[in-house]
Every structure is written in structure tokens, then in C-alpha cells.
Amino acid sequence: MASDKQIAANRANAKRSTGPKTALGKSISSRNALRHGLSGPLKRDALPPEIENLAQALVVDNGDEGQRLAATALASAQWELMRIRSVRARMMAAIDLSSTDAKDWKRLMALDRYERLAHTSRRRAFRKLASNDR
């Protein structure tokens, strides 16, 4: 547990670190999440037809609403995994494999976080769909 003195020091430091100050710094910072487009969620109101088709194929005998939601979540997670793998393939094609530039490899490794999240979402949706089938 931090002491009162340490908490006060942390708060003072936090007041000083307010992000980029210059227009260039703000511009660069604003593009951080747009590097590959994976940080934003899929829009639920306009799902790609592939997700809808896969979700309908997973539902047994016009299942209840819970089963349809779980099937849609499973299909969305699978679609997200395919998007991540597509981005990874494009990045791998663009990287010079003999290069020692760590920045390219670091960006490529950052995709693992998105892939783990998609795997977790898919696993949870599969469990929920399986429990609804019973």
C-alpha cells in the first residue's frame, strides 16, 4: 500500500503529464489507434452478411433469443480472428524478413493482444451457445 506521501507525489506527477502539447504531437497521438483498424469494435447494427450467415448456421431449429445472441457473438469473434489474421498476413508481406528493424517486429507482435481477445470472446460465446443447446 502506498503511503500518503507517495500518493501525493504520484498525483503531482500526473498533473504534469497531460499528453502531447504541440500540434504535431497531438496529430501523431490521434493516429495511434488507426494503425491497423483492429482497436475498434465491429458495428453491431450493420454486421457483414458472412457473420449473419454463420450465426444462422449455428442456431438449431430456430433457437431462442439467447441462442441467437450467442451464435452471433461466436460468428463475430470468428470474423474478428479472420480480420486479425488478414492484417498479420499483410504486415508479414510488407516486412523485410532479413531486416533488423525492431519497430516492425514490435508492431507485428502487438497483434497478439487483439488475437487473444478474439479467442477469449469466441471461447465464451461457444460456451454460452453450448449451454443454450441443452
N, C-alpha and C. Protein backbone atom coordinates (compact mmCIF):
# COMPACT_ATOMS: atom_id res chain seq x y z
N MET A 1 0.84 -1.17 0.00
CA MET A 1 0.00 0.00 0.00
C MET A 1 0.89 1.24 0.00
N ALA A 2 0.53 2.20 -0.83
CA ALA A 2 1.33 3.42 -0.93
C ALA A 2 1.05 4.34 0.25
N SER A 3 2.09 5.04 0.67
CA SER A 3 1.94 5.99 1.78
C SER A 3 1.27 7.26 1.27
N ASP A 4 0.82 8.09 2.19
CA ASP A 4 0.19 9.35 1.81
C ASP A 4 1.16 10.24 1.04
N LYS A 5 2.43 10.18 1.43
CA LYS A 5 3.46 10.98 0.75
C LYS A 5 3.63 10.51 -0.70
N GLN A 6 3.62 9.18 -0.90
CA GLN A 6 3.78 8.63 -2.24
C GLN A 6 2.55 8.95 -3.11
N ILE A 7 1.37 8.87 -2.52
CA ILE A 7 0.14 9.20 -3.26
C ILE A 7 0.17 10.66 -3.71
N ALA A 8 0.60 11.55 -2.82
CA ALA A 8 0.69 12.97 -3.16
C ALA A 8 1.71 13.19 -4.29
N ALA A 9 2.84 12.48 -4.22
CA ALA A 9 3.86 12.61 -5.27
C ALA A 9 3.31 12.09 -6.61
N ASN A 10 2.59 10.98 -6.59
CA ASN A 10 2.00 10.44 -7.81
C ASN A 10 1.01 11.42 -8.43
N ARG A 11 0.18 12.03 -7.60
CA ARG A 11 -0.80 12.99 -8.10
C ARG A 11 -0.12 14.21 -8.70
N ALA A 12 0.95 14.67 -8.07
CA ALA A 12 1.70 15.82 -8.59
C ALA A 12 2.32 15.48 -9.94
N ASN A 13 2.87 14.28 -10.06
CA ASN A 13 3.45 13.86 -11.34
C ASN A 13 2.37 13.74 -12.42
N ALA A 14 1.21 13.23 -12.05
CA ALA A 14 0.13 13.04 -13.02
C ALA A 14 -0.35 14.38 -13.56
N LYS A 15 -0.34 15.42 -12.73
CA LYS A 15 -0.77 16.74 -13.20
C LYS A 15 0.19 17.30 -14.25
N ARG A 16 1.44 16.90 -14.18
CA ARG A 16 2.43 17.39 -15.13
C ARG A 16 2.40 16.63 -16.45
N SER A 17 1.96 15.39 -16.45
CA SER A 17 1.96 14.60 -17.69
C SER A 17 0.56 14.62 -18.30
N THR A 18 0.33 15.58 -19.15
CA THR A 18 -1.00 15.77 -19.72
C THR A 18 -1.06 15.41 -21.20
N GLY A 19 -0.08 14.71 -21.70
CA GLY A 19 -0.10 14.32 -23.10
C GLY A 19 0.63 15.31 -23.98
N PRO A 20 0.49 15.14 -25.29
CA PRO A 20 1.23 15.99 -26.22
C PRO A 20 0.76 17.45 -26.16
N LYS A 21 1.70 18.36 -26.32
CA LYS A 21 1.40 19.79 -26.24
C LYS A 21 1.35 20.44 -27.63
N THR A 22 2.22 20.00 -28.54
CA THR A 22 2.29 20.64 -29.86
C THR A 22 1.26 20.05 -30.80
N ALA A 23 0.99 20.76 -31.87
CA ALA A 23 0.03 20.29 -32.87
C ALA A 23 0.55 19.00 -33.53
N LEU A 24 1.85 18.93 -33.78
CA LEU A 24 2.43 17.73 -34.37
C LEU A 24 2.27 16.54 -33.44
N GLY A 25 2.57 16.74 -32.16
CA GLY A 25 2.43 15.66 -31.18
C GLY A 25 1.00 15.19 -31.05
N LYS A 26 0.06 16.12 -31.06
CA LYS A 26 -1.36 15.77 -30.98
C LYS A 26 -1.80 15.00 -32.22
N SER A 27 -1.29 15.42 -33.37
CA SER A 27 -1.64 14.75 -34.62
C SER A 27 -1.13 13.31 -34.63
N ILE A 28 0.09 13.11 -34.20
CA ILE A 28 0.67 11.77 -34.15
C ILE A 28 -0.09 10.91 -33.15
N SER A 29 -0.38 11.47 -31.99
CA SER A 29 -1.08 10.72 -30.95
C SER A 29 -2.49 10.33 -31.38
N SER A 30 -3.14 11.18 -32.15
CA SER A 30 -4.52 10.89 -32.56
C SER A 30 -4.59 9.72 -33.53
N ARG A 31 -3.50 9.40 -34.19
CA ARG A 31 -3.50 8.30 -35.15
C ARG A 31 -3.05 6.96 -34.55
N ASN A 32 -2.74 6.93 -33.27
CA ASN A 32 -2.23 5.71 -32.65
C ASN A 32 -3.16 4.53 -32.85
N ALA A 33 -4.44 4.71 -32.65
CA ALA A 33 -5.39 3.59 -32.73
C ALA A 33 -5.78 3.25 -34.16
N LEU A 34 -5.36 4.03 -35.12
CA LEU A 34 -5.76 3.80 -36.51
C LEU A 34 -4.70 3.08 -37.33
N ARG A 35 -3.69 2.57 -36.69
CA ARG A 35 -2.59 1.95 -37.42
C ARG A 35 -3.06 0.76 -38.25
N HIS A 36 -3.93 -0.07 -37.71
CA HIS A 36 -4.39 -1.26 -38.42
C HIS A 36 -5.90 -1.43 -38.38
N GLY A 37 -6.60 -0.60 -37.61
CA GLY A 37 -8.06 -0.65 -37.58
C GLY A 37 -8.65 -1.74 -36.71
N LEU A 38 -7.86 -2.42 -35.92
CA LEU A 38 -8.37 -3.52 -35.11
C LEU A 38 -8.87 -3.09 -33.74
N SER A 39 -8.54 -1.89 -33.32
CA SER A 39 -8.92 -1.49 -31.97
C SER A 39 -10.39 -1.15 -31.86
N GLY A 40 -11.04 -0.82 -32.95
CA GLY A 40 -12.46 -0.51 -32.90
C GLY A 40 -13.30 -1.76 -33.05
N PRO A 41 -14.43 -1.81 -32.36
CA PRO A 41 -15.29 -3.00 -32.48
C PRO A 41 -16.05 -3.00 -33.80
N LEU A 42 -16.53 -4.17 -34.18
CA LEU A 42 -17.41 -4.26 -35.33
C LEU A 42 -18.72 -3.56 -34.98
N LYS A 43 -19.30 -2.89 -35.96
CA LYS A 43 -20.58 -2.23 -35.71
C LYS A 43 -21.67 -3.29 -35.66
N ARG A 44 -22.38 -3.34 -34.55
CA ARG A 44 -23.41 -4.36 -34.34
C ARG A 44 -24.65 -4.12 -35.20
N ASP A 45 -24.90 -2.87 -35.59
CA ASP A 45 -26.11 -2.60 -36.35
C ASP A 45 -25.98 -3.00 -37.81
N ALA A 46 -24.78 -3.13 -38.30
CA ALA A 46 -24.57 -3.49 -39.70
C ALA A 46 -23.52 -4.60 -39.79
N LEU A 47 -23.89 -5.79 -39.38
CA LEU A 47 -22.96 -6.91 -39.43
C LEU A 47 -22.76 -7.35 -40.87
N PRO A 48 -21.55 -7.74 -41.23
CA PRO A 48 -21.33 -8.27 -42.57
C PRO A 48 -22.20 -9.51 -42.79
N PRO A 49 -22.65 -9.74 -44.03
CA PRO A 49 -23.52 -10.89 -44.30
C PRO A 49 -22.89 -12.22 -43.91
N GLU A 50 -21.57 -12.31 -43.95
CA GLU A 50 -20.90 -13.56 -43.58
C GLU A 50 -21.17 -13.90 -42.12
N ILE A 51 -21.17 -12.88 -41.26
CA ILE A 51 -21.43 -13.12 -39.84
C ILE A 51 -22.87 -13.57 -39.64
N GLU A 52 -23.79 -12.89 -40.32
CA GLU A 52 -25.20 -13.27 -40.22
C GLU A 52 -25.41 -14.71 -40.68
N ASN A 53 -24.80 -15.07 -41.81
CA ASN A 53 -24.96 -16.43 -42.35
C ASN A 53 -24.39 -17.47 -41.41
N LEU A 54 -23.20 -17.20 -40.86
CA LEU A 54 -22.58 -18.14 -39.94
C LEU A 54 -23.41 -18.27 -38.66
N ALA A 55 -23.92 -17.16 -38.17
CA ALA A 55 -24.74 -17.20 -36.96
C ALA A 55 -26.01 -18.01 -37.19
N GLN A 56 -26.64 -17.85 -38.34
CA GLN A 56 -27.85 -18.62 -38.64
C GLN A 56 -27.55 -20.10 -38.78
N ALA A 57 -26.38 -20.43 -39.31
CA ALA A 57 -26.00 -21.84 -39.45
C ALA A 57 -25.75 -22.48 -38.08
N LEU A 58 -25.34 -21.68 -37.10
CA LEU A 58 -25.05 -22.22 -35.77
C LEU A 58 -26.30 -22.43 -34.92
N VAL A 59 -27.38 -21.73 -35.24
CA VAL A 59 -28.61 -21.83 -34.47
C VAL A 59 -29.37 -23.09 -34.90
N VAL A 60 -29.80 -23.86 -33.91
CA VAL A 60 -30.51 -25.12 -34.17
C VAL A 60 -32.01 -24.88 -34.10
N ASP A 61 -32.73 -25.27 -35.14
CA ASP A 61 -34.20 -25.25 -35.16
C ASP A 61 -34.79 -23.93 -34.66
N ASN A 62 -34.40 -22.82 -35.29
CA ASN A 62 -34.94 -21.51 -34.89
C ASN A 62 -34.87 -21.31 -33.37
N GLY A 63 -33.67 -21.41 -32.85
CA GLY A 63 -33.46 -21.35 -31.40
C GLY A 63 -33.99 -20.08 -30.77
N ASP A 64 -33.96 -20.05 -29.46
CA ASP A 64 -34.46 -18.90 -28.71
C ASP A 64 -33.50 -17.71 -28.87
N GLU A 65 -33.90 -16.58 -28.29
CA GLU A 65 -33.12 -15.35 -28.43
C GLU A 65 -31.71 -15.50 -27.85
N GLY A 66 -31.58 -16.20 -26.72
CA GLY A 66 -30.26 -16.40 -26.12
C GLY A 66 -29.33 -17.18 -27.03
N GLN A 67 -29.88 -18.18 -27.70
CA GLN A 67 -29.08 -18.98 -28.61
C GLN A 67 -28.66 -18.14 -29.83
N ARG A 68 -29.58 -17.31 -30.34
CA ARG A 68 -29.24 -16.46 -31.48
C ARG A 68 -28.16 -15.44 -31.11
N LEU A 69 -28.26 -14.86 -29.92
CA LEU A 69 -27.25 -13.89 -29.48
C LEU A 69 -25.88 -14.56 -29.32
N ALA A 70 -25.87 -15.75 -28.73
CA ALA A 70 -24.61 -16.47 -28.56
C ALA A 70 -24.01 -16.85 -29.90
N ALA A 71 -24.86 -17.27 -30.85
CA ALA A 71 -24.37 -17.63 -32.18
C ALA A 71 -23.81 -16.40 -32.91
N THR A 72 -24.46 -15.26 -32.75
CA THR A 72 -23.95 -14.03 -33.37
C THR A 72 -22.63 -13.62 -32.74
N ALA A 73 -22.51 -13.75 -31.42
CA ALA A 73 -21.25 -13.42 -30.74
C ALA A 73 -20.13 -14.35 -31.21
N LEU A 74 -20.44 -15.63 -31.36
CA LEU A 74 -19.44 -16.59 -31.84
C LEU A 74 -19.01 -16.27 -33.26
N ALA A 75 -19.97 -15.97 -34.12
CA ALA A 75 -19.66 -15.63 -35.51
C ALA A 75 -18.85 -14.33 -35.58
N SER A 76 -19.20 -13.35 -34.75
CA SER A 76 -18.45 -12.08 -34.73
C SER A 76 -17.01 -12.29 -34.28
N ALA A 77 -16.83 -13.12 -33.27
CA ALA A 77 -15.47 -13.39 -32.78
C ALA A 77 -14.65 -14.11 -33.84
N GLN A 78 -15.28 -15.04 -34.55
CA GLN A 78 -14.57 -15.74 -35.63
C GLN A 78 -14.20 -14.77 -36.75
N TRP A 79 -15.12 -13.86 -37.07
CA TRP A 79 -14.86 -12.84 -38.10
C TRP A 79 -13.70 -11.95 -37.67
N GLU A 80 -13.67 -11.59 -36.39
CA GLU A 80 -12.59 -10.76 -35.86
C GLU A 80 -11.25 -11.48 -35.97
N LEU A 81 -11.22 -12.77 -35.67
CA LEU A 81 -9.98 -13.55 -35.83
C LEU A 81 -9.52 -13.55 -37.28
N MET A 82 -10.44 -13.68 -38.20
CA MET A 82 -10.07 -13.67 -39.62
C MET A 82 -9.53 -12.29 -40.03
N ARG A 83 -10.12 -11.21 -39.49
CA ARG A 83 -9.61 -9.86 -39.77
C ARG A 83 -8.19 -9.70 -39.26
N ILE A 84 -7.94 -10.17 -38.04
CA ILE A 84 -6.61 -10.05 -37.43
C ILE A 84 -5.59 -10.83 -38.26
N ARG A 85 -5.95 -12.02 -38.66
CA ARG A 85 -5.03 -12.84 -39.45
C ARG A 85 -4.75 -12.21 -40.81
N SER A 86 -5.74 -11.53 -41.37
CA SER A 86 -5.55 -10.83 -42.63
C SER A 86 -4.57 -9.67 -42.46
N VAL A 87 -4.74 -8.91 -41.39
CA VAL A 87 -3.82 -7.80 -41.12
C VAL A 87 -2.41 -8.33 -40.89
N ARG A 88 -2.30 -9.43 -40.14
CA ARG A 88 -0.98 -10.02 -39.89
C ARG A 88 -0.33 -10.46 -41.20
N ALA A 89 -1.10 -11.07 -42.08
CA ALA A 89 -0.54 -11.52 -43.36
C ALA A 89 -0.05 -10.33 -44.19
N ARG A 90 -0.82 -9.25 -44.21
CA ARG A 90 -0.38 -8.05 -44.95
C ARG A 90 0.89 -7.47 -44.34
N MET A 91 0.96 -7.44 -43.01
CA MET A 91 2.15 -6.90 -42.36
C MET A 91 3.37 -7.79 -42.62
N MET A 92 3.16 -9.10 -42.59
CA MET A 92 4.27 -10.02 -42.84
C MET A 92 4.78 -9.86 -44.28
N ALA A 93 3.87 -9.63 -45.21
CA ALA A 93 4.28 -9.46 -46.60
C ALA A 93 5.07 -8.16 -46.79
N ALA A 94 4.76 -7.16 -45.98
CA ALA A 94 5.42 -5.87 -46.12
C ALA A 94 6.76 -5.80 -45.38
N ILE A 95 6.99 -6.70 -44.43
CA ILE A 95 8.21 -6.66 -43.63
C ILE A 95 9.33 -7.37 -44.37
N ASP A 96 10.49 -6.74 -44.35
CA ASP A 96 11.68 -7.39 -44.88
C ASP A 96 12.19 -8.33 -43.80
N LEU A 97 12.08 -9.64 -44.05
CA LEU A 97 12.41 -10.62 -43.02
C LEU A 97 13.89 -10.60 -42.62
N SER A 98 14.74 -10.08 -43.50
CA SER A 98 16.16 -10.00 -43.15
C SER A 98 16.47 -8.70 -42.39
N SER A 99 15.47 -7.85 -42.24
CA SER A 99 15.67 -6.57 -41.57
C SER A 99 15.84 -6.79 -40.07
N THR A 100 16.57 -5.90 -39.47
CA THR A 100 16.74 -5.97 -38.02
C THR A 100 15.98 -4.83 -37.34
N ASP A 101 15.05 -4.21 -38.08
CA ASP A 101 14.28 -3.10 -37.54
C ASP A 101 13.27 -3.64 -36.52
N ALA A 102 13.51 -3.33 -35.27
CA ALA A 102 12.67 -3.86 -34.19
C ALA A 102 11.27 -3.26 -34.20
N LYS A 103 11.12 -2.08 -34.78
CA LYS A 103 9.81 -1.42 -34.78
C LYS A 103 8.78 -2.24 -35.56
N ASP A 104 9.17 -2.79 -36.71
CA ASP A 104 8.26 -3.61 -37.49
C ASP A 104 7.86 -4.87 -36.74
N TRP A 105 8.81 -5.50 -36.08
CA TRP A 105 8.51 -6.73 -35.34
C TRP A 105 7.65 -6.43 -34.12
N LYS A 106 7.88 -5.28 -33.49
CA LYS A 106 7.08 -4.90 -32.33
C LYS A 106 5.62 -4.69 -32.73
N ARG A 107 5.39 -4.04 -33.87
CA ARG A 107 4.03 -3.83 -34.37
C ARG A 107 3.36 -5.16 -34.68
N LEU A 108 4.11 -6.06 -35.25
CA LEU A 108 3.57 -7.37 -35.59
C LEU A 108 3.19 -8.14 -34.32
N MET A 109 4.04 -8.06 -33.32
CA MET A 109 3.77 -8.76 -32.07
C MET A 109 2.59 -8.15 -31.31
N ALA A 110 2.31 -6.86 -31.55
CA ALA A 110 1.18 -6.21 -30.88
C ALA A 110 -0.15 -6.81 -31.32
N LEU A 111 -0.19 -7.45 -32.47
CA LEU A 111 -1.43 -8.09 -32.93
C LEU A 111 -1.84 -9.25 -32.04
N ASP A 112 -0.89 -9.81 -31.30
CA ASP A 112 -1.21 -10.93 -30.41
C ASP A 112 -2.26 -10.54 -29.38
N ARG A 113 -2.21 -9.30 -28.91
CA ARG A 113 -3.19 -8.86 -27.92
C ARG A 113 -4.60 -8.92 -28.49
N TYR A 114 -4.76 -8.45 -29.72
CA TYR A 114 -6.08 -8.48 -30.36
C TYR A 114 -6.53 -9.91 -30.62
N GLU A 115 -5.59 -10.75 -30.99
CA GLU A 115 -5.93 -12.14 -31.26
C GLU A 115 -6.35 -12.87 -29.98
N ARG A 116 -5.65 -12.61 -28.89
CA ARG A 116 -6.04 -13.23 -27.61
C ARG A 116 -7.44 -12.81 -27.19
N LEU A 117 -7.76 -11.53 -27.36
CA LEU A 117 -9.10 -11.05 -27.01
C LEU A 117 -10.17 -11.72 -27.87
N ALA A 118 -9.89 -11.87 -29.15
CA ALA A 118 -10.85 -12.52 -30.05
C ALA A 118 -11.02 -13.99 -29.70
N HIS A 119 -9.92 -14.66 -29.36
CA HIS A 119 -10.01 -16.07 -28.94
C HIS A 119 -10.86 -16.20 -27.67
N THR A 120 -10.65 -15.29 -26.72
CA THR A 120 -11.43 -15.32 -25.49
C THR A 120 -12.91 -15.09 -25.77
N SER A 121 -13.21 -14.13 -26.63
CA SER A 121 -14.61 -13.87 -26.99
C SER A 121 -15.24 -15.08 -27.67
N ARG A 122 -14.49 -15.71 -28.55
CA ARG A 122 -15.01 -16.88 -29.25
C ARG A 122 -15.26 -18.04 -28.28
N ARG A 123 -14.33 -18.25 -27.35
CA ARG A 123 -14.47 -19.33 -26.38
C ARG A 123 -15.69 -19.10 -25.48
N ARG A 124 -15.87 -17.86 -25.01
CA ARG A 124 -17.02 -17.55 -24.15
C ARG A 124 -18.33 -17.73 -24.91
N ALA A 125 -18.37 -17.26 -26.15
CA ALA A 125 -19.60 -17.39 -26.95
C ALA A 125 -19.90 -18.85 -27.22
N PHE A 126 -18.87 -19.65 -27.47
CA PHE A 126 -19.08 -21.08 -27.73
C PHE A 126 -19.65 -21.75 -26.49
N ARG A 127 -19.11 -21.42 -25.32
CA ARG A 127 -19.63 -22.00 -24.08
C ARG A 127 -21.09 -21.62 -23.85
N LYS A 128 -21.40 -20.36 -24.12
CA LYS A 128 -22.78 -19.90 -23.92
C LYS A 128 -23.71 -20.57 -24.92
N LEU A 129 -23.26 -20.73 -26.16
CA LEU A 129 -24.07 -21.41 -27.17
C LEU A 129 -24.27 -22.87 -26.79
N ALA A 130 -23.24 -23.51 -26.30
CA ALA A 130 -23.34 -24.92 -25.90
C ALA A 130 -24.28 -25.08 -24.70
N SER A 131 -24.24 -24.14 -23.77
CA SER A 131 -25.13 -24.24 -22.62
C SER A 131 -26.59 -23.97 -23.01
N ASN A 132 -26.83 -23.17 -24.04
CA ASN A 132 -28.18 -22.90 -24.52
C ASN A 132 -28.76 -24.08 -25.29
N ASP A 133 -27.89 -24.93 -25.83
CA ASP A 133 -28.35 -26.09 -26.61
C ASP A 133 -28.94 -27.17 -25.72
N ARG A 134 -28.59 -27.16 -24.46
CA ARG A 134 -29.04 -28.23 -23.56
C ARG A 134 -30.48 -28.09 -23.20
